[in-house]
Amino acid sequence: MKKIFFFSLLCISFSMLLSSCSGDDEELPNLGNFTVDGATYQINKGNLKGYKSTAANQSNNYTFDFASEQGNTVRTVRLSISFPFNTMMNGEYKITGSSRQLDPWLSQYTETTGKHTDTYNNLITGVCTVARIGENNFKVKFQMQTTSGPEIKGEFEGDVKIQEIE
């Protein structure tokens, strides 16, 4: 009887240990926030993917993705930027009239809930500023509006996962 009681107690303790170690209780980092038509979402993930030009006739092309994950909904702001060869990424990017270009078609806002995705691009206004403040650390401020409606603005500051494309 003592062996069965001890074994049951051990199983319950082990089960409690497993349930307290689940990833559900894990708090996501706060790296800033963005608003979509007035509703605010916390950014908890940032990525940067891009191509560094190797010749004067090419541009540097990079894309920031900032994600807000809440339950089964993921909202992502994508900022696709290009800037001249042999220059730093730091600066202001606009959709028109600048050598530092915020791409109006590739920059977008996406909202995915389960298997349903809504994507808004084709910017009618857009500007962002980028400041690299460390090796993987950036401060990015942005504001844009798509032809189909949503106005998106926000600020990100923190580490991003960087993937260089060759």
Protein backbone atom coordinates (compact mmCIF):
# COMPACT_ATOMS: atom_id res chain seq x y z
CA MET A 1 0.00 0.00 0.00
CA LYS A 2 2.86 2.40 0.85
CA LYS A 3 4.53 1.70 -2.52
CA ILE A 4 1.32 2.48 -4.43
CA PHE A 5 0.77 5.71 -2.45
CA PHE A 6 4.41 6.82 -3.00
CA PHE A 7 4.18 5.98 -6.74
CA SER A 8 0.90 7.94 -7.07
CA LEU A 9 2.40 10.91 -5.24
CA LEU A 10 5.49 10.76 -7.49
CA CYS A 11 3.31 10.68 -10.64
CA ILE A 12 1.23 13.66 -9.45
CA SER A 13 4.40 15.64 -8.62
CA PHE A 14 5.92 14.81 -12.01
CA SER A 15 2.69 15.79 -13.77
CA MET A 16 2.59 19.11 -11.90
CA LEU A 17 6.21 19.75 -12.81
CA LEU A 18 5.49 19.17 -16.50
CA SER A 19 2.45 21.41 -16.55
CA SER A 20 4.31 24.27 -14.87
CA CYS A 21 7.09 24.05 -17.47
CA SER A 22 4.82 24.49 -20.49
CA GLY A 23 5.52 27.30 -22.96
CA ASP A 24 1.99 28.69 -22.51
CA ASP A 25 3.07 30.70 -19.46
CA GLU A 26 6.03 32.20 -21.33
CA GLU A 27 5.77 35.95 -21.67
CA LEU A 28 6.69 37.34 -25.08
CA PRO A 29 9.13 40.28 -25.18
CA ASN A 30 7.81 43.82 -25.68
CA LEU A 31 9.82 45.44 -28.48
CA GLY A 32 7.46 48.35 -29.10
CA ASN A 33 4.00 48.55 -30.61
CA PHE A 34 2.02 49.53 -33.65
CA THR A 35 -1.50 50.78 -34.20
CA VAL A 36 -3.88 49.79 -36.96
CA ASP A 37 -6.74 52.27 -37.34
CA GLY A 38 -6.36 53.17 -33.66
CA ALA A 39 -6.09 49.63 -32.17
CA THR A 40 -2.69 49.06 -30.51
CA TYR A 41 -0.70 45.82 -30.73
CA GLN A 42 2.49 44.92 -28.88
CA ILE A 43 5.45 43.90 -31.07
CA ASN A 44 7.07 40.74 -29.76
CA LYS A 45 9.23 39.65 -32.68
CA GLY A 46 11.45 41.41 -35.21
CA ASN A 47 13.24 40.04 -38.28
CA LEU A 48 15.45 41.62 -40.92
CA LYS A 49 16.16 39.90 -44.21
CA GLY A 50 18.16 41.48 -46.96
CA TYR A 51 20.68 41.79 -49.70
CA LYS A 52 23.75 44.04 -49.42
CA SER A 53 24.78 45.35 -52.82
CA THR A 54 28.24 44.54 -54.14
CA ALA A 55 28.42 47.01 -57.04
CA ALA A 56 27.66 50.71 -57.59
CA ASN A 57 24.85 49.91 -60.06
CA GLN A 58 22.93 47.95 -57.38
CA SER A 59 20.88 48.97 -54.34
CA ASN A 60 20.85 47.47 -50.88
CA ASN A 61 17.45 45.82 -50.33
CA TYR A 62 16.18 44.87 -46.85
CA THR A 63 12.86 43.94 -45.30
CA PHE A 64 11.88 44.40 -41.66
CA ASP A 65 9.06 42.22 -40.30
CA PHE A 66 7.54 43.17 -36.96
CA ALA A 67 5.03 40.69 -35.51
CA SER A 68 2.43 40.83 -32.78
CA GLU A 69 1.28 37.37 -31.69
CA GLN A 70 -1.92 37.17 -29.63
CA GLY A 71 -3.60 33.79 -29.27
CA ASN A 72 -4.13 32.37 -32.76
CA THR A 73 -3.84 35.80 -34.44
CA VAL A 74 -0.56 37.11 -35.85
CA ARG A 75 -0.36 40.68 -37.12
CA THR A 76 2.73 41.63 -39.14
CA VAL A 77 4.03 44.95 -40.40
CA ARG A 78 6.49 44.57 -43.28
CA LEU A 79 8.74 47.46 -44.30
CA SER A 80 10.66 46.87 -47.51
CA ILE A 81 13.47 49.40 -47.95
CA SER A 82 16.25 50.08 -50.45
CA PHE A 83 19.18 52.46 -50.25
CA PRO A 84 22.25 53.25 -52.37
CA PHE A 85 25.37 51.11 -52.65
CA ASN A 86 28.09 51.77 -50.11
CA THR A 87 25.89 53.72 -47.67
CA MET A 88 24.67 52.98 -44.15
CA MET A 89 21.11 51.78 -43.52
CA ASN A 90 20.43 54.64 -41.05
CA GLY A 91 18.10 57.27 -42.44
CA GLU A 92 14.61 58.21 -43.52
CA TYR A 93 12.73 56.22 -46.19
CA LYS A 94 9.75 57.46 -48.25
CA ILE A 95 7.54 55.94 -50.92
CA THR A 96 8.38 58.74 -53.39
CA GLY A 97 11.14 61.18 -54.23
CA SER A 98 14.07 59.73 -52.33
CA SER A 99 17.16 57.60 -52.91
CA ARG A 100 16.09 55.86 -49.68
CA GLN A 101 12.95 54.11 -50.87
CA LEU A 102 10.13 52.54 -48.82
CA ASP A 103 8.63 50.17 -51.40
CA PRO A 104 4.87 50.92 -51.69
CA TRP A 105 3.99 47.46 -53.02
CA LEU A 106 6.22 45.14 -50.94
CA SER A 107 5.62 47.04 -47.68
CA GLN A 108 2.42 45.75 -46.13
CA TYR A 109 0.27 44.90 -43.13
CA THR A 110 -0.92 41.28 -42.73
CA GLU A 111 -3.36 39.79 -40.25
CA THR A 112 -3.62 36.00 -39.96
CA THR A 113 -6.17 34.23 -37.77
CA GLY A 114 -6.01 30.45 -38.06
CA LYS A 115 -5.94 29.72 -41.80
CA HIS A 116 -7.47 33.08 -42.84
CA THR A 117 -5.09 35.85 -43.96
CA ASP A 118 -5.81 39.47 -44.94
CA THR A 119 -2.97 41.41 -46.59
CA TYR A 120 -2.98 45.16 -47.16
CA ASN A 121 -0.34 46.74 -49.39
CA ASN A 122 -0.16 49.30 -52.21
CA LEU A 123 0.75 52.23 -49.95
CA ILE A 124 -0.64 55.67 -50.68
CA THR A 125 1.49 57.23 -47.92
CA GLY A 126 4.51 55.91 -46.12
CA VAL A 127 7.63 56.93 -44.27
CA CYS A 128 9.98 55.17 -41.87
CA THR A 129 13.21 56.02 -40.09
CA VAL A 130 15.85 53.42 -39.31
CA ALA A 131 18.67 53.73 -36.79
CA ARG A 132 21.08 50.87 -36.21
CA ILE A 133 22.14 51.11 -32.57
CA GLY A 134 24.08 47.86 -32.29
CA GLU A 135 25.07 44.78 -34.27
CA ASN A 136 21.54 43.29 -34.32
CA ASN A 137 19.81 46.16 -32.57
CA PHE A 138 17.62 48.71 -34.37
CA LYS A 139 15.23 51.53 -33.68
CA VAL A 140 12.56 51.87 -36.36
CA LYS A 141 9.68 54.34 -36.49
CA PHE A 142 7.05 54.03 -39.22
CA GLN A 143 3.76 55.37 -40.56
CA MET A 144 1.92 54.17 -43.65
CA GLN A 145 -1.53 53.87 -45.18
CA THR A 146 -2.74 51.41 -47.80
CA THR A 147 -5.20 52.08 -50.61
CA SER A 148 -7.69 49.66 -49.05
CA GLY A 149 -7.78 51.54 -45.81
CA PRO A 150 -5.79 50.74 -42.69
CA GLU A 151 -3.44 53.38 -41.32
CA ILE A 152 -0.50 51.73 -39.57
CA LYS A 153 2.01 53.51 -37.37
CA GLY A 154 4.40 52.36 -34.73
CA GLU A 155 7.81 52.09 -33.17
CA PHE A 156 10.21 49.20 -32.69
CA GLU A 157 13.38 49.10 -30.63
CA GLY A 158 15.40 45.98 -29.95
CA ASP A 159 17.22 43.00 -31.38
CA VAL A 160 16.17 41.49 -34.69
CA LYS A 161 17.06 38.16 -36.21
CA ILE A 162 19.11 39.05 -39.31
CA GLN A 163 19.32 36.91 -42.45
CA GLU A 164 21.67 38.12 -45.19
CA ILE A 165 20.84 36.86 -48.68
CA GLU A 166 23.70 36.42 -51.12
